[in-house]
Amino acid sequence: TVRSHLNLEMAATPEMVAIALDLRPDYV
């Protein structure tokens, strides 16, 4: 739904990396 850009803040853990790779935010 976001029409601007989506910035995902997260810890540098394997779980979060996997989520980011799946969801593909505009940047992390």
PDB file of all heavy atoms in Angstrom:
ATOM      1  N   THR A   1       0.789  -1.239   0.000  1.00  0.00           N
ATOM      2  CA  THR A   1       0.000   0.000   0.000  1.00  0.00           C
ATOM      3  C   THR A   1       0.817   1.283   0.000  1.00  0.00           C
ATOM      4  O   THR A   1       0.313   2.328  -0.436  1.00  0.00           O
ATOM      5  CB  THR A   1      -0.948   0.028   1.216  1.00  0.00           C
ATOM      6  OG1 THR A   1      -0.185  -0.150   2.421  1.00  0.00           O
ATOM      7  CG2 THR A   1      -1.978  -1.092   1.130  1.00  0.00           C
ATOM      8  N   VAL A   2       2.037   1.266   0.509  1.00  0.00           N
ATOM      9  CA  VAL A   2       2.839   2.495   0.564  1.00  0.00           C
ATOM     10  C   VAL A   2       3.168   2.961  -0.842  1.00  0.00           C
ATOM     11  O   VAL A   2       3.652   2.188  -1.678  1.00  0.00           O
ATOM     12  CB  VAL A   2       4.132   2.266   1.381  1.00  0.00           C
ATOM     13  CG1 VAL A   2       5.112   3.421   1.189  1.00  0.00           C
ATOM     14  CG2 VAL A   2       3.793   2.089   2.857  1.00  0.00           C
ATOM     15  N   ARG A   3       2.915   4.214  -1.114  1.00  0.00           N
ATOM     16  CA  ARG A   3       3.121   4.766  -2.459  1.00  0.00           C
ATOM     17  C   ARG A   3       4.364   5.655  -2.525  1.00  0.00           C
ATOM     18  O   ARG A   3       4.795   6.039  -3.607  1.00  0.00           O
ATOM     19  CB  ARG A   3       1.888   5.573  -2.891  1.00  0.00           C
ATOM     20  CG  ARG A   3       0.661   4.691  -3.123  1.00  0.00           C
ATOM     21  CD  ARG A   3       0.855   3.766  -4.309  1.00  0.00           C
ATOM     22  NE  ARG A   3      -0.243   2.849  -4.495  1.00  0.00           N
ATOM     23  CZ  ARG A   3      -0.273   1.587  -4.062  1.00  0.00           C
ATOM     24  NH1 ARG A   3       0.772   1.106  -3.383  1.00  0.00           N
ATOM     25  NH2 ARG A   3      -1.313   0.810  -4.281  1.00  0.00           N
ATOM     26  N   SER A   4       4.935   5.986  -1.394  1.00  0.00           N
ATOM     27  CA  SER A   4       6.169   6.786  -1.375  1.00  0.00           C
ATOM     28  C   SER A   4       7.341   5.808  -1.345  1.00  0.00           C
ATOM     29  O   SER A   4       7.649   5.177  -2.349  1.00  0.00           O
ATOM     30  CB  SER A   4       6.166   7.733  -0.161  1.00  0.00           C
ATOM     31  OG  SER A   4       5.882   7.030   1.035  1.00  0.00           O
ATOM     32  N   HIS A   5       7.993   5.625  -0.214  1.00  0.00           N
ATOM     33  CA  HIS A   5       8.963   4.547  -0.089  1.00  0.00           C
ATOM     34  C   HIS A   5       8.895   3.972   1.315  1.00  0.00           C
ATOM     35  O   HIS A   5       8.523   4.658   2.271  1.00  0.00           O
ATOM     36  CB  HIS A   5      10.395   4.983  -0.450  1.00  0.00           C
ATOM     37  CG  HIS A   5      10.966   6.042   0.440  1.00  0.00           C
ATOM     38  ND1 HIS A   5      11.118   7.358   0.039  1.00  0.00           N
ATOM     39  CD2 HIS A   5      11.431   6.001   1.722  1.00  0.00           C
ATOM     40  CE1 HIS A   5      11.652   8.063   1.022  1.00  0.00           C
ATOM     41  NE2 HIS A   5      11.852   7.275   2.056  1.00  0.00           N
ATOM     42  N   LEU A   6       9.228   2.700   1.417  1.00  0.00           N
ATOM     43  CA  LEU A   6       9.145   1.980   2.683  1.00  0.00           C
ATOM     44  C   LEU A   6      10.550   1.682   3.185  1.00  0.00           C
ATOM     45  O   LEU A   6      11.333   0.995   2.531  1.00  0.00           O
ATOM     46  CB  LEU A   6       8.366   0.682   2.502  1.00  0.00           C
ATOM     47  CG  LEU A   6       8.195  -0.193   3.760  1.00  0.00           C
ATOM     48  CD1 LEU A   6       7.391   0.553   4.826  1.00  0.00           C
ATOM     49  CD2 LEU A   6       7.511  -1.510   3.403  1.00  0.00           C
ATOM     50  N   ASN A   7      10.850   2.217   4.366  1.00  0.00           N
ATOM     51  CA  ASN A   7      12.145   2.025   5.018  1.00  0.00           C
ATOM     52  C   ASN A   7      11.960   1.057   6.180  1.00  0.00           C
ATOM     53  O   ASN A   7      11.242   1.359   7.132  1.00  0.00           O
ATOM     54  CB  ASN A   7      12.671   3.380   5.508  1.00  0.00           C
ATOM     55  CG  ASN A   7      13.868   3.255   6.430  1.00  0.00           C
ATOM     56  OD1 ASN A   7      14.644   2.305   6.346  1.00  0.00           O
ATOM     57  ND2 ASN A   7      14.023   4.234   7.307  1.00  0.00           N
ATOM     58  N   LEU A   8      12.593  -0.099   6.104  1.00  0.00           N
ATOM     59  CA  LEU A   8      12.495  -1.102   7.157  1.00  0.00           C
ATOM     60  C   LEU A   8      13.709  -1.014   8.066  1.00  0.00           C
ATOM     61  O   LEU A   8      14.837  -1.300   7.650  1.00  0.00           O
ATOM     62  CB  LEU A   8      12.397  -2.509   6.555  1.00  0.00           C
ATOM     63  CG  LEU A   8      12.484  -3.687   7.544  1.00  0.00           C
ATOM     64  CD1 LEU A   8      11.372  -3.600   8.585  1.00  0.00           C
ATOM     65  CD2 LEU A   8      12.452  -5.014   6.799  1.00  0.00           C
ATOM     66  N   GLU A   9      13.488  -0.603   9.317  1.00  0.00           N
ATOM     67  CA  GLU A   9      14.534  -0.643  10.321  1.00  0.00           C
ATOM     68  C   GLU A   9      14.562  -2.029  10.938  1.00  0.00           C
ATOM     69  O   GLU A   9      13.511  -2.593  11.269  1.00  0.00           O
ATOM     70  CB  GLU A   9      14.268   0.400  11.413  1.00  0.00           C
ATOM     71  CG  GLU A   9      14.326   1.834  10.923  1.00  0.00           C
ATOM     72  CD  GLU A   9      14.112   2.832  12.033  1.00  0.00           C
ATOM     73  OE1 GLU A   9      13.585   2.450  13.101  1.00  0.00           O
ATOM     74  OE2 GLU A   9      14.456   4.020  11.831  1.00  0.00           O
ATOM     75  N   MET A  10      15.781  -2.565  11.140  1.00  0.00           N
ATOM     76  CA  MET A  10      15.867  -3.922  11.674  1.00  0.00           C
ATOM     77  C   MET A  10      17.259  -4.198  12.211  1.00  0.00           C
ATOM     78  O   MET A  10      18.223  -3.510  11.845  1.00  0.00           O
ATOM     79  CB  MET A  10      15.511  -4.945  10.597  1.00  0.00           C
ATOM     80  CG  MET A  10      16.511  -4.981   9.446  1.00  0.00           C
ATOM     81  SD  MET A  10      16.065  -6.154   8.164  1.00  0.00           S
ATOM     82  CE  MET A  10      17.717  -6.698   7.630  1.00  0.00           C
ATOM     83  N   ALA A  11      17.350  -5.201  13.068  1.00  0.00           N
ATOM     84  CA  ALA A  11      18.644  -5.677  13.530  1.00  0.00           C
ATOM     85  C   ALA A  11      19.291  -6.513  12.428  1.00  0.00           C
ATOM     86  O   ALA A  11      18.612  -7.069  11.560  1.00  0.00           O
ATOM     87  CB  ALA A  11      18.468  -6.514  14.792  1.00  0.00           C
ATOM     88  N   ALA A  12      20.607  -6.609  12.487  1.00  0.00           N
ATOM     89  CA  ALA A  12      21.354  -7.357  11.461  1.00  0.00           C
ATOM     90  C   ALA A  12      21.436  -8.829  11.844  1.00  0.00           C
ATOM     91  O   ALA A  12      22.504  -9.370  12.140  1.00  0.00           O
ATOM     92  CB  ALA A  12      22.737  -6.763  11.282  1.00  0.00           C
ATOM     93  N   THR A  13      20.267  -9.494  11.845  1.00  0.00           N
ATOM     94  CA  THR A  13      20.202 -10.903  12.211  1.00  0.00           C
ATOM     95  C   THR A  13      19.741 -11.727  11.008  1.00  0.00           C
ATOM     96  O   THR A  13      19.074 -11.208  10.106  1.00  0.00           O
ATOM     97  CB  THR A  13      19.207 -11.122  13.365  1.00  0.00           C
ATOM     98  OG1 THR A  13      17.880 -10.782  12.910  1.00  0.00           O
ATOM     99  CG2 THR A  13      19.562 -10.256  14.569  1.00  0.00           C
ATOM    100  N   PRO A  14      20.051 -13.027  11.000  1.00  0.00           N
ATOM    101  CA  PRO A  14      19.607 -13.876   9.870  1.00  0.00           C
ATOM    102  C   PRO A  14      18.097 -13.855   9.674  1.00  0.00           C
ATOM    103  O   PRO A  14      17.615 -13.839   8.533  1.00  0.00           O
ATOM    104  CB  PRO A  14      20.110 -15.263  10.277  1.00  0.00           C
ATOM    105  CG  PRO A  14      21.314 -14.999  11.133  1.00  0.00           C
ATOM    106  CD  PRO A  14      20.959 -13.758  11.907  1.00  0.00           C
ATOM    107  N   GLU A  15      17.331 -13.848  10.783  1.00  0.00           N
ATOM    108  CA  GLU A  15      15.877 -13.818  10.657  1.00  0.00           C
ATOM    109  C   GLU A  15      15.420 -12.560   9.927  1.00  0.00           C
ATOM    110  O   GLU A  15      14.581 -12.617   9.013  1.00  0.00           O
ATOM    111  CB  GLU A  15      15.228 -13.865  12.043  1.00  0.00           C
ATOM    112  CG  GLU A  15      13.704 -13.771  11.974  1.00  0.00           C
ATOM    113  CD  GLU A  15      13.054 -13.414  13.305  1.00  0.00           C
ATOM    114  OE1 GLU A  15      13.753 -12.848  14.176  1.00  0.00           O
ATOM    115  OE2 GLU A  15      11.843 -13.659  13.445  1.00  0.00           O
ATOM    116  N   MET A  16      15.952 -11.410  10.322  1.00  0.00           N
ATOM    117  CA  MET A  16      15.520 -10.153   9.721  1.00  0.00           C
ATOM    118  C   MET A  16      15.994 -10.028   8.274  1.00  0.00           C
ATOM    119  O   MET A  16      15.276  -9.498   7.424  1.00  0.00           O
ATOM    120  CB  MET A  16      16.026  -8.979  10.559  1.00  0.00           C
ATOM    121  CG  MET A  16      15.376  -8.888  11.915  1.00  0.00           C
ATOM    122  SD  MET A  16      13.586  -8.652  11.792  1.00  0.00           S
ATOM    123  CE  MET A  16      13.082  -9.184  13.435  1.00  0.00           C
ATOM    124  N   VAL A  17      17.177 -10.518   7.996  1.00  0.00           N
ATOM    125  CA  VAL A  17      17.663 -10.494   6.613  1.00  0.00           C
ATOM    126  C   VAL A  17      16.733 -11.314   5.722  1.00  0.00           C
ATOM    127  O   VAL A  17      16.380 -10.892   4.609  1.00  0.00           O
ATOM    128  CB  VAL A  17      19.106 -11.020   6.527  1.00  0.00           C
ATOM    129  CG1 VAL A  17      19.519 -11.243   5.068  1.00  0.00           C
ATOM    130  CG2 VAL A  17      20.069 -10.041   7.200  1.00  0.00           C
ATOM    131  N   ALA A  18      16.301 -12.467   6.204  1.00  0.00           N
ATOM    132  CA  ALA A  18      15.395 -13.312   5.424  1.00  0.00           C
ATOM    133  C   ALA A  18      14.062 -12.603   5.175  1.00  0.00           C
ATOM    134  O   ALA A  18      13.508 -12.665   4.063  1.00  0.00           O
ATOM    135  CB  ALA A  18      15.162 -14.641   6.147  1.00  0.00           C
ATOM    136  N   ILE A  19      13.545 -11.913   6.189  1.00  0.00           N
ATOM    137  CA  ILE A  19      12.290 -11.181   6.026  1.00  0.00           C
ATOM    138  C   ILE A  19      12.457 -10.057   5.009  1.00  0.00           C
ATOM    139  O   ILE A  19      11.602  -9.844   4.139  1.00  0.00           O
ATOM    140  CB  ILE A  19      11.824 -10.633   7.393  1.00  0.00           C
ATOM    141  CG1 ILE A  19      11.356 -11.777   8.278  1.00  0.00           C
ATOM    142  CG2 ILE A  19      10.706  -9.597   7.211  1.00  0.00           C
ATOM    143  CD1 ILE A  19      11.080 -11.384   9.716  1.00  0.00           C
ATOM    144  N   ALA A  20      13.554  -9.327   5.099  1.00  0.00           N
ATOM    145  CA  ALA A  20      13.800  -8.233   4.156  1.00  0.00           C
ATOM    146  C   ALA A  20      13.922  -8.746   2.727  1.00  0.00           C
ATOM    147  O   ALA A  20      13.383  -8.137   1.790  1.00  0.00           O
ATOM    148  CB  ALA A  20      15.057  -7.472   4.552  1.00  0.00           C
ATOM    149  N   LEU A  21      14.608  -9.848   2.548  1.00  0.00           N
ATOM    150  CA  LEU A  21      14.767 -10.410   1.198  1.00  0.00           C
ATOM    151  C   LEU A  21      13.431 -10.861   0.635  1.00  0.00           C
ATOM    152  O   LEU A  21      13.196 -10.793  -0.579  1.00  0.00           O
ATOM    153  CB  LEU A  21      15.752 -11.575   1.231  1.00  0.00           C
ATOM    154  CG  LEU A  21      17.215 -11.201   1.484  1.00  0.00           C
ATOM    155  CD1 LEU A  21      18.063 -12.457   1.661  1.00  0.00           C
ATOM    156  CD2 LEU A  21      17.770 -10.335   0.360  1.00  0.00           C
ATOM    157  N   ASP A  22      12.543 -11.313   1.499  1.00  0.00           N
ATOM    158  CA  ASP A  22      11.221 -11.762   1.060  1.00  0.00           C
ATOM    159  C   ASP A  22      10.318 -10.584   0.721  1.00  0.00           C
ATOM    160  O   ASP A  22       9.653 -10.569  -0.311  1.00  0.00           O
ATOM    161  CB  ASP A  22      10.589 -12.616   2.155  1.00  0.00           C
ATOM    162  CG  ASP A  22       9.192 -13.095   1.794  1.00  0.00           C
ATOM    163  OD1 ASP A  22       8.982 -13.496   0.619  1.00  0.00           O
ATOM    164  OD2 ASP A  22       8.304 -13.079   2.662  1.00  0.00           O
ATOM    165  N   LEU A  23      10.316  -9.553   1.597  1.00  0.00           N
ATOM    166  CA  LEU A  23       9.385  -8.434   1.433  1.00  0.00           C
ATOM    167  C   LEU A  23       9.915  -7.323   0.532  1.00  0.00           C
ATOM    168  O   LEU A  23       9.147  -6.555  -0.022  1.00  0.00           O
ATOM    169  CB  LEU A  23       9.047  -7.842   2.801  1.00  0.00           C
ATOM    170  CG  LEU A  23       8.193  -8.740   3.689  1.00  0.00           C
ATOM    171  CD1 LEU A  23       8.037  -8.135   5.061  1.00  0.00           C
ATOM    172  CD2 LEU A  23       6.824  -8.973   3.067  1.00  0.00           C
ATOM    173  N   ARG A  24      11.225  -7.197   0.419  1.00  0.00           N
ATOM    174  CA  ARG A  24      11.871  -6.237  -0.457  1.00  0.00           C
ATOM    175  C   ARG A  24      11.392  -4.795  -0.233  1.00  0.00           C
ATOM    176  O   ARG A  24      10.775  -4.170  -1.110  1.00  0.00           O
ATOM    177  CB  ARG A  24      11.702  -6.633  -1.926  1.00  0.00           C
ATOM    178  CG  ARG A  24      12.220  -8.023  -2.228  1.00  0.00           C
ATOM    179  CD  ARG A  24      12.238  -8.318  -3.711  1.00  0.00           C
ATOM    180  NE  ARG A  24      13.201  -7.471  -4.381  1.00  0.00           N
ATOM    181  CZ  ARG A  24      14.523  -7.694  -4.409  1.00  0.00           C
ATOM    182  NH1 ARG A  24      15.017  -8.752  -3.796  1.00  0.00           N
ATOM    183  NH2 ARG A  24      15.334  -6.887  -5.060  1.00  0.00           N
ATOM    184  N   PRO A  25      11.690  -4.238   0.941  1.00  0.00           N
ATOM    185  CA  PRO A  25      11.404  -2.816   1.158  1.00  0.00           C
ATOM    186  C   PRO A  25      12.257  -1.965   0.228  1.00  0.00           C
ATOM    187  O   PRO A  25      13.209  -2.455  -0.382  1.00  0.00           O
ATOM    188  CB  PRO A  25      11.801  -2.607   2.626  1.00  0.00           C
ATOM    189  CG  PRO A  25      12.836  -3.652   2.869  1.00  0.00           C
ATOM    190  CD  PRO A  25      12.420  -4.844   2.068  1.00  0.00           C
ATOM    191  N   ASP A  26      11.938  -0.681   0.145  1.00  0.00           N
ATOM    192  CA  ASP A  26      12.706   0.201  -0.732  1.00  0.00           C
ATOM    193  C   ASP A  26      14.121   0.396  -0.223  1.00  0.00           C
ATOM    194  O   ASP A  26      15.044   0.569  -1.003  1.00  0.00           O
ATOM    195  CB  ASP A  26      11.981   1.543  -0.890  1.00  0.00           C
ATOM    196  CG  ASP A  26      10.668   1.363  -1.623  1.00  0.00           C
ATOM    197  OD1 ASP A  26      10.705   0.982  -2.809  1.00  0.00           O
ATOM    198  OD2 ASP A  26       9.613   1.567  -1.004  1.00  0.00           O
ATOM    199  N   TYR A  27      14.291   0.402   1.077  1.00  0.00           N
ATOM    200  CA  TYR A  27      15.627   0.274   1.653  1.00  0.00           C
ATOM    201  C   TYR A  27      15.521  -0.206   3.088  1.00  0.00           C
ATOM    202  O   TYR A  27      14.450  -0.192   3.700  1.00  0.00           O
ATOM    203  CB  TYR A  27      16.467   1.543   1.520  1.00  0.00           C
ATOM    204  CG  TYR A  27      16.096   2.755   2.326  1.00  0.00           C
ATOM    205  CD1 TYR A  27      16.728   3.032   3.537  1.00  0.00           C
ATOM    206  CD2 TYR A  27      15.164   3.679   1.852  1.00  0.00           C
ATOM    207  CE1 TYR A  27      16.424   4.175   4.263  1.00  0.00           C
ATOM    208  CE2 TYR A  27      14.857   4.824   2.569  1.00  0.00           C
ATOM    209  CZ  TYR A  27      15.496   5.059   3.780  1.00  0.00           C
ATOM    210  OH  TYR A  27      15.196   6.193   4.499  1.00  0.00           O
ATOM    211  N   VAL A  28      16.643  -0.690   3.601  1.00  0.00           N
ATOM    212  CA  VAL A  28      16.737  -1.212   4.955  1.00  0.00           C
ATOM    213  C   VAL A  28      17.678  -0.322   5.745  1.00  0.00           C
ATOM    214  O   VAL A  28      18.715   0.107   5.236  1.00  0.00           O
ATOM    215  CB  VAL A  28      17.267  -2.664   4.936  1.00  0.00           C
ATOM    216  CG1 VAL A  28      17.864  -3.052   6.283  1.00  0.00           C
ATOM    217  CG2 VAL A  28      16.163  -3.627   4.536  1.00  0.00           C
TER     218      VAL A  28
END
